[in-house]
Amino acid sequence: MTKYVLLIINPGSTSTKVALYEGSECYRQENLSHSAEDLALYPEVVAQYPFRLQKVEEFLASVLADLGGEARLDAVAGIGGLLRPLQGGTYVVNEALILDLQQGVQGQHASNLGGLLAAGIASRFGVGAYIVDPVAVDEFEDVSRLSGHPLIVRRSLSHALNIKAVARRVCHEHGQSLALCNFVVAHLGGGISVAALRGGRIIDVNNANEMGPFSPERTGSLPAGDLARLCFSGKFTAAEMKKQIAGQGGMVAYLATNDVREAYRRADQGDAFAKLVISAMTYQIGKEIGSMAAALQGRVDAVILTGGLANSQRFVQEIAQYVDFIAPLRVCPGEDEMLALAEGVCRVLDGDEEANIY
């Protein structure tokens, strides 16, 4: 991999991660925190663009000053936002993509600023701006889209960047071709995405905001009748109900904590309910992995666990008891979205892949 100099930008709700990479090696990375007072000045996420751009420019100026006369920039990559459904890969940030990010075609989210900030910096340096495997990656087969009612369509929204990155890494480590492999990949974090990958394509996945196993902060799938009754009970507004499902649901609703380490601490001190909640979460994750193995007709080369919760050997072992009969278990703990973005751009600059046009 050529050591291109890349600026990587990953906006979150209250911070912006920025890094300068030389190929796949990180030269410097910082997490630029934004106060609630600063963000409150902007009525919507996209309006934060000039504020965040200034912060990124200050970081870049500092790094380039350290590099002195050797300073250059070959490309800029931003985290992909809530775009229209699209195939996986690395995309050039063009006018159509910028417009959809500004308009929030699938909703407003801090990640929508990723491509916008990348384009803003890239234009100054006369280099390309890219996004890689955004959450809106949609490679579903038609059979995956039917929900059970024509008024509701199953949508592909997932932690696609990390899911695809770890699949590539497992193939590289084991001398396998991604195009010839089938994987079930479970991204385990505040939200949980369990995906079936056939030849590197995400042919099915639960929408982590609405479906699948419950997670530290999200309910996952709920009994439809009971959910409908709760929605019309008069106890919640629509916004409050959405928050109950994603943000205040899952483990935090049961235990008033979203920290699995704290839940285990309570369980070890004799809290039987905390132990039950963790067991139920790992049980549901195991069931979802089994479901995705069925989507691949049982032809699975490996089950891959990734995301922050995969750092817990105990949590991994609880899941393993349900799924180790399916295929070899590979554990890739954490998520390195910055590296995944850098690798995606390098594949294009090296000519290993063609950049997609949105």
Foldseek 3Di string as FASTA:
>chain_A
DAQAWEWEWEFAPFWIKIFTGGQLHTPDIDIGGHDPVRVVVDPALLSCQVVVLVVSVVVVVVVQVVVPPVDAHAAYEFEADQAAEDAFAKAWLDPVLLVCLSVVVPHGGNSSSRQVSRVVVCVVRVHTYIYGQHQRHDPADPVQFDDPDPVHTAGRGDPRLQQLVVLVVVCVVVVHQLQCAWEFEWAADQFIKTFTAHSSGGHHIHNRLEAFFFHLFAHHHDDVVVLVCVCPVPPDDPVRSSNCGGGCDQNCVVPVDSDLVVLVVVVVVPPVVSVVSLLRRLVRVLVVNVVSCVVVVLRHAEYEYEAAVLVDPVSVVSNCVSPVVSYHYHYDYHGDSRSSRSNSVVCCVVPVDPHDYD
